[in-house]
């Protein structure tokens, strides 16, 4: 484990998550002022930070991840005890479902405009209204996000990585 490299990864992940928090605050203020809710960039930054934290945890566990973007595969690279430590405070249910949802949200959220190519603004605005009228079924959603579970995973990864860094250098990352 190269602690300098881990610290750089960890700082970069935290930067993306901090940026997501700033964007969330801006979106909340705009929503309060009556503007439409557009949280795509916040989600993308938060998931990107999560991916880097997950890779950092794999490295901190003495494993390698290659050039992998499969969150389930990355999670499975962690030793069982490390996975338990990271996920200790929250019941996540089906982690595979969460990881697949985050991957889809990250990939498709960056290019969400493509699914509506050739549609008028009226057609685009009808689709979510019809979906809401059907009760917002997850299986019909463009993507599902699970923000509270993501926050829990990020918190667990932060604690795990800070502990690994502290044990290696004698002090936690701030």
C-alpha atoms as a PDB file:
ATOM      1  CA  UNK A   1       0.000   0.000   0.000  1.00  0.00           C
ATOM      2  CA  UNK A   2       1.401   3.372  -1.041  1.00  0.00           C
ATOM      3  CA  UNK A   3       0.002   5.774   1.597  1.00  0.00           C
ATOM      4  CA  UNK A   4       0.703   8.893  -0.476  1.00  0.00           C
ATOM      5  CA  UNK A   5      -1.257   7.483  -3.407  1.00  0.00           C
ATOM      6  CA  UNK A   6      -4.101   6.439  -1.080  1.00  0.00           C
ATOM      7  CA  UNK A   7      -4.223   9.921   0.424  1.00  0.00           C
ATOM      8  CA  UNK A   8      -4.419  11.475  -3.059  1.00  0.00           C
ATOM      9  CA  UNK A   9      -7.245   9.116  -4.022  1.00  0.00           C
ATOM     10  CA  UNK A  10      -9.023   9.776  -0.744  1.00  0.00           C
ATOM     11  CA  UNK A  11      -8.732  13.570  -1.107  1.00  0.00           C
ATOM     12  CA  UNK A  12      -9.988  13.401  -4.702  1.00  0.00           C
ATOM     13  CA  UNK A  13     -12.992  11.307  -3.665  1.00  0.00           C
ATOM     14  CA  UNK A  14     -13.787  13.706  -0.826  1.00  0.00           C
ATOM     15  CA  UNK A  15     -13.469  16.662  -3.226  1.00  0.00           C
ATOM     16  CA  UNK A  16     -16.109  15.152  -5.533  1.00  0.00           C
ATOM     17  CA  UNK A  17     -18.407  14.424  -2.600  1.00  0.00           C
ATOM     18  CA  UNK A  18     -17.910  17.956  -1.225  1.00  0.00           C
ATOM     19  CA  UNK A  19     -18.738  19.318  -4.681  1.00  0.00           C
ATOM     20  CA  UNK A  20     -21.886  17.170  -4.710  1.00  0.00           C
ATOM     21  CA  UNK A  21     -22.864  18.649  -1.340  1.00  0.00           C
ATOM     22  CA  UNK A  22     -22.375  22.188  -2.680  1.00  0.00           C
ATOM     23  CA  UNK A  23     -24.449  21.413  -5.753  1.00  0.00           C
ATOM     24  CA  UNK A  24     -27.180  19.915  -3.547  1.00  0.00           C
ATOM     25  CA  UNK A  25     -27.335  23.142  -1.533  1.00  0.00           C
ATOM     26  CA  UNK A  26     -27.591  25.198  -4.718  1.00  0.00           C
ATOM     27  CA  UNK A  27     -30.287  22.888  -6.103  1.00  0.00           C
ATOM     28  CA  UNK A  28     -32.232  23.120  -2.831  1.00  0.00           C
ATOM     29  CA  UNK A  29     -32.126  26.923  -2.956  1.00  0.00           C
ATOM     30  CA  UNK A  30     -33.219  26.951  -6.610  1.00  0.00           C
ATOM     31  CA  UNK A  31     -36.017  24.464  -5.905  1.00  0.00           C
ATOM     32  CA  UNK A  32     -37.208  26.608  -2.980  1.00  0.00           C
ATOM     33  CA  UNK A  33     -37.263  29.582  -5.383  1.00  0.00           C
ATOM     34  CA  UNK A  34     -39.541  27.671  -7.761  1.00  0.00           C
ATOM     35  CA  UNK A  35     -37.028  26.396 -10.306  1.00  0.00           C
ATOM     36  CA  UNK A  36     -37.250  22.809 -11.611  1.00  0.00           C
ATOM     37  CA  UNK A  37     -35.353  20.073  -9.760  1.00  0.00           C
ATOM     38  CA  UNK A  38     -32.200  19.129 -11.695  1.00  0.00           C
ATOM     39  CA  UNK A  39     -29.898  17.022  -9.516  1.00  0.00           C
ATOM     40  CA  UNK A  40     -28.038  15.105 -12.198  1.00  0.00           C
ATOM     41  CA  UNK A  41     -24.642  16.688 -11.632  1.00  0.00           C
ATOM     42  CA  UNK A  42     -24.883  16.201  -7.864  1.00  0.00           C
ATOM     43  CA  UNK A  43     -25.611  12.484  -8.301  1.00  0.00           C
ATOM     44  CA  UNK A  44     -22.801  12.035 -10.788  1.00  0.00           C
ATOM     45  CA  UNK A  45     -20.228  13.724  -8.538  1.00  0.00           C
ATOM     46  CA  UNK A  46     -21.410  11.759  -5.477  1.00  0.00           C
ATOM     47  CA  UNK A  47     -21.261   8.418  -7.294  1.00  0.00           C
ATOM     48  CA  UNK A  48     -17.849   9.270  -8.754  1.00  0.00           C
ATOM     49  CA  UNK A  49     -16.596  10.033  -5.239  1.00  0.00           C
ATOM     50  CA  UNK A  50     -18.068   6.721  -4.060  1.00  0.00           C
ATOM     51  CA  UNK A  51     -16.283   4.814  -6.853  1.00  0.00           C
ATOM     52  CA  UNK A  52     -12.936   6.355  -5.942  1.00  0.00           C
ATOM     53  CA  UNK A  53     -13.520   5.594  -2.241  1.00  0.00           C
ATOM     54  CA  UNK A  54     -14.335   1.992  -3.114  1.00  0.00           C
ATOM     55  CA  UNK A  55     -11.145   1.660  -5.162  1.00  0.00           C
ATOM     56  CA  UNK A  56      -9.174   3.315  -2.375  1.00  0.00           C
ATOM     57  CA  UNK A  57     -10.594   0.797   0.132  1.00  0.00           C
ATOM     58  CA  UNK A  58      -9.589  -2.089  -2.141  1.00  0.00           C
ATOM     59  CA  UNK A  59      -6.021  -0.761  -2.269  1.00  0.00           C
ATOM     60  CA  UNK A  60      -5.992  -0.078   1.482  1.00  0.00           C
ATOM     61  CA  UNK A  61      -6.942  -3.734   1.965  1.00  0.00           C
ATOM     62  CA  UNK A  62      -3.813  -4.798   0.105  1.00  0.00           C
ATOM     63  CA  UNK A  63      -5.661  -5.797  -3.056  1.00  0.00           C
ATOM     64  CA  UNK A  64      -5.613  -4.351  -6.566  1.00  0.00           C
ATOM     65  CA  UNK A  65      -8.551  -3.311  -8.697  1.00  0.00           C
ATOM     66  CA  UNK A  66      -7.067  -2.835 -12.186  1.00  0.00           C
ATOM     67  CA  UNK A  67      -9.077  -0.489 -14.385  1.00  0.00           C
ATOM     68  CA  UNK A  68     -12.395  -1.675 -13.087  1.00  0.00           C
ATOM     69  CA  UNK A  69     -15.653   0.266 -12.936  1.00  0.00           C
ATOM     70  CA  UNK A  70     -17.896  -2.628 -11.815  1.00  0.00           C
ATOM     71  CA  UNK A  71     -18.936  -1.705  -8.270  1.00  0.00           C
ATOM     72  CA  UNK A  72     -20.041  -5.265  -7.402  1.00  0.00           C
ATOM     73  CA  UNK A  73     -16.726  -6.664  -8.563  1.00  0.00           C
ATOM     74  CA  UNK A  74     -14.813  -3.990  -6.678  1.00  0.00           C
ATOM     75  CA  UNK A  75     -16.803  -4.695  -3.510  1.00  0.00           C
ATOM     76  CA  UNK A  76     -16.076  -8.417  -3.827  1.00  0.00           C
ATOM     77  CA  UNK A  77     -12.337  -7.694  -4.052  1.00  0.00           C
ATOM     78  CA  UNK A  78     -12.484  -6.476  -0.451  1.00  0.00           C
ATOM     79  CA  UNK A  79     -11.828  -9.124   2.208  1.00  0.00           C
ATOM     80  CA  UNK A  80     -15.028 -10.268   3.935  1.00  0.00           C
ATOM     81  CA  UNK A  81     -14.027  -8.686   7.255  1.00  0.00           C
ATOM     82  CA  UNK A  82     -13.393  -5.334   5.570  1.00  0.00           C
ATOM     83  CA  UNK A  83     -16.794  -5.461   3.847  1.00  0.00           C
ATOM     84  CA  UNK A  84     -18.437  -6.139   7.208  1.00  0.00           C
ATOM     85  CA  UNK A  85     -16.587  -3.219   8.795  1.00  0.00           C
ATOM     86  CA  UNK A  86     -17.578  -0.820   5.999  1.00  0.00           C
ATOM     87  CA  UNK A  87     -21.249  -1.853   5.999  1.00  0.00           C
ATOM     88  CA  UNK A  88     -21.534  -2.326   9.777  1.00  0.00           C
ATOM     89  CA  UNK A  89     -23.953   0.470  10.597  1.00  0.00           C
ATOM     90  CA  UNK A  90     -26.638   0.117   7.947  1.00  0.00           C
ATOM     91  CA  UNK A  91     -28.770  -2.708   6.571  1.00  0.00           C
ATOM     92  CA  UNK A  92     -28.420  -2.404   2.816  1.00  0.00           C
ATOM     93  CA  UNK A  93     -30.436  -5.366   1.595  1.00  0.00           C
ATOM     94  CA  UNK A  94     -29.305  -6.423  -1.856  1.00  0.00           C
ATOM     95  CA  UNK A  95     -25.962  -4.674  -2.404  1.00  0.00           C
ATOM     96  CA  UNK A  96     -25.778  -5.955  -5.981  1.00  0.00           C
ATOM     97  CA  UNK A  97     -29.035  -4.096  -6.719  1.00  0.00           C
ATOM     98  CA  UNK A  98     -27.621  -0.899  -5.183  1.00  0.00           C
ATOM     99  CA  UNK A  99     -24.297  -1.141  -7.009  1.00  0.00           C
ATOM    100  CA  UNK A 100     -26.014  -1.799 -10.339  1.00  0.00           C
ATOM    101  CA  UNK A 101     -28.338   1.156  -9.739  1.00  0.00           C
ATOM    102  CA  UNK A 102     -25.370   3.450  -8.992  1.00  0.00           C
ATOM    103  CA  UNK A 103     -23.511   2.311 -12.101  1.00  0.00           C
ATOM    104  CA  UNK A 104     -26.568   2.887 -14.262  1.00  0.00           C
ATOM    105  CA  UNK A 105     -27.227   6.296 -12.676  1.00  0.00           C
ATOM    106  CA  UNK A 106     -23.596   7.287 -13.223  1.00  0.00           C
ATOM    107  CA  UNK A 107     -23.460   6.178 -16.858  1.00  0.00           C
ATOM    108  CA  UNK A 108     -26.941   7.120 -18.031  1.00  0.00           C
ATOM    109  CA  UNK A 109     -27.154  10.239 -15.890  1.00  0.00           C
ATOM    110  CA  UNK A 110     -24.288  11.758 -17.835  1.00  0.00           C
ATOM    111  CA  UNK A 111     -26.145  11.284 -21.122  1.00  0.00           C
ATOM    112  CA  UNK A 112     -29.793  11.515 -20.049  1.00  0.00           C
ATOM    113  CA  UNK A 113     -30.547  13.897 -22.906  1.00  0.00           C
ATOM    114  CA  UNK A 114     -29.917  11.090 -25.420  1.00  0.00           C
ATOM    115  CA  UNK A 115     -32.980   9.061 -24.414  1.00  0.00           C
ATOM    116  CA  UNK A 116     -35.202  11.973 -25.419  1.00  0.00           C
ATOM    117  CA  UNK A 117     -33.598  12.717 -28.768  1.00  0.00           C
ATOM    118  CA  UNK A 118     -36.242  13.534 -31.340  1.00  0.00           C
ATOM    119  CA  UNK A 119     -38.955  14.211 -28.751  1.00  0.00           C
ATOM    120  CA  UNK A 120     -40.625  17.563 -28.249  1.00  0.00           C
ATOM    121  CA  UNK A 121     -40.503  19.314 -24.886  1.00  0.00           C
ATOM    122  CA  UNK A 122     -44.195  18.456 -24.422  1.00  0.00           C
ATOM    123  CA  UNK A 123     -43.508  14.753 -24.998  1.00  0.00           C
ATOM    124  CA  UNK A 124     -40.554  14.890 -22.622  1.00  0.00           C
ATOM    125  CA  UNK A 125     -42.633  16.465 -19.836  1.00  0.00           C
ATOM    126  CA  UNK A 126     -45.483  13.948 -20.264  1.00  0.00           C
ATOM    127  CA  UNK A 127     -43.321  10.920 -19.533  1.00  0.00           C
ATOM    128  CA  UNK A 128     -42.512  11.675 -15.863  1.00  0.00           C
ATOM    129  CA  UNK A 129     -46.090  12.811 -15.226  1.00  0.00           C
ATOM    130  CA  UNK A 130     -47.424   9.496 -16.535  1.00  0.00           C
ATOM    131  CA  UNK A 131     -44.828   7.593 -14.491  1.00  0.00           C
ATOM    132  CA  UNK A 132     -45.847   9.446 -11.310  1.00  0.00           C
ATOM    133  CA  UNK A 133     -49.523   8.744 -12.079  1.00  0.00           C
ATOM    134  CA  UNK A 134     -48.661   5.015 -12.149  1.00  0.00           C
ATOM    135  CA  UNK A 135     -47.140   5.275  -8.661  1.00  0.00           C
ATOM    136  CA  UNK A 136     -43.478   5.694  -9.648  1.00  0.00           C
ATOM    137  CA  UNK A 137     -42.646   2.002 -10.107  1.00  0.00           C
ATOM    138  CA  UNK A 138     -38.879   1.435  -9.810  1.00  0.00           C
ATOM    139  CA  UNK A 139     -38.852  -1.016 -12.723  1.00  0.00           C
ATOM    140  CA  UNK A 140     -40.106   1.726 -15.055  1.00  0.00           C
ATOM    141  CA  UNK A 141     -37.733   4.446 -13.844  1.00  0.00           C
ATOM    142  CA  UNK A 142     -34.973   5.705 -16.124  1.00  0.00           C
ATOM    143  CA  UNK A 143     -32.682   5.009 -13.192  1.00  0.00           C
ATOM    144  CA  UNK A 144     -33.030   4.493  -9.448  1.00  0.00           C
ATOM    145  CA  UNK A 145     -30.649   6.190  -7.057  1.00  0.00           C
ATOM    146  CA  UNK A 146     -31.009   5.144  -3.328  1.00  0.00           C
ATOM    147  CA  UNK A 147     -29.300   8.240  -1.864  1.00  0.00           C
ATOM    148  CA  UNK A 148     -29.506   7.267   1.819  1.00  0.00           C
ATOM    149  CA  UNK A 149     -27.840   3.909   1.215  1.00  0.00           C
ATOM    150  CA  UNK A 150     -25.140   5.632  -0.819  1.00  0.00           C
ATOM    151  CA  UNK A 151     -24.504   8.080   2.016  1.00  0.00           C
ATOM    152  CA  UNK A 152     -24.192   5.152   4.436  1.00  0.00           C
ATOM    153  CA  UNK A 153     -21.714   3.377   2.183  1.00  0.00           C
ATOM    154  CA  UNK A 154     -19.701   6.570   1.741  1.00  0.00           C
ATOM    155  CA  UNK A 155     -19.614   7.052   5.510  1.00  0.00           C
ATOM    156  CA  UNK A 156     -18.451   3.474   6.064  1.00  0.00           C
ATOM    157  CA  UNK A 157     -15.789   3.773   3.367  1.00  0.00           C
ATOM    158  CA  UNK A 158     -14.563   7.078   4.829  1.00  0.00           C
ATOM    159  CA  UNK A 159     -14.202   5.551   8.295  1.00  0.00           C
ATOM    160  CA  UNK A 160     -12.490   2.448   6.932  1.00  0.00           C
ATOM    161  CA  UNK A 161      -9.976   4.384   4.819  1.00  0.00           C
ATOM    162  CA  UNK A 162      -9.214   6.911   7.561  1.00  0.00           C
ATOM    163  CA  UNK A 163      -8.562   4.035   9.960  1.00  0.00           C
ATOM    164  CA  UNK A 164      -6.229   2.344   7.469  1.00  0.00           C
ATOM    165  CA  UNK A 165      -4.350   5.595   6.855  1.00  0.00           C
ATOM    166  CA  UNK A 166      -4.129   6.342  10.583  1.00  0.00           C
ATOM    167  CA  UNK A 167      -2.781   2.859  11.315  1.00  0.00           C
ATOM    168  CA  UNK A 168      -0.175   3.312   8.608  1.00  0.00           C
ATOM    169  CA  UNK A 169       0.976   6.829   9.537  1.00  0.00           C
ATOM    170  CA  UNK A 170      -0.240   7.310  13.091  1.00  0.00           C
ATOM    171  CA  UNK A 171      -2.697  10.083  12.173  1.00  0.00           C
ATOM    172  CA  UNK A 172      -6.043  10.252  10.390  1.00  0.00           C
ATOM    173  CA  UNK A 173      -6.621  12.210   7.195  1.00  0.00           C
ATOM    174  CA  UNK A 174      -8.561  15.437   7.603  1.00  0.00           C
END
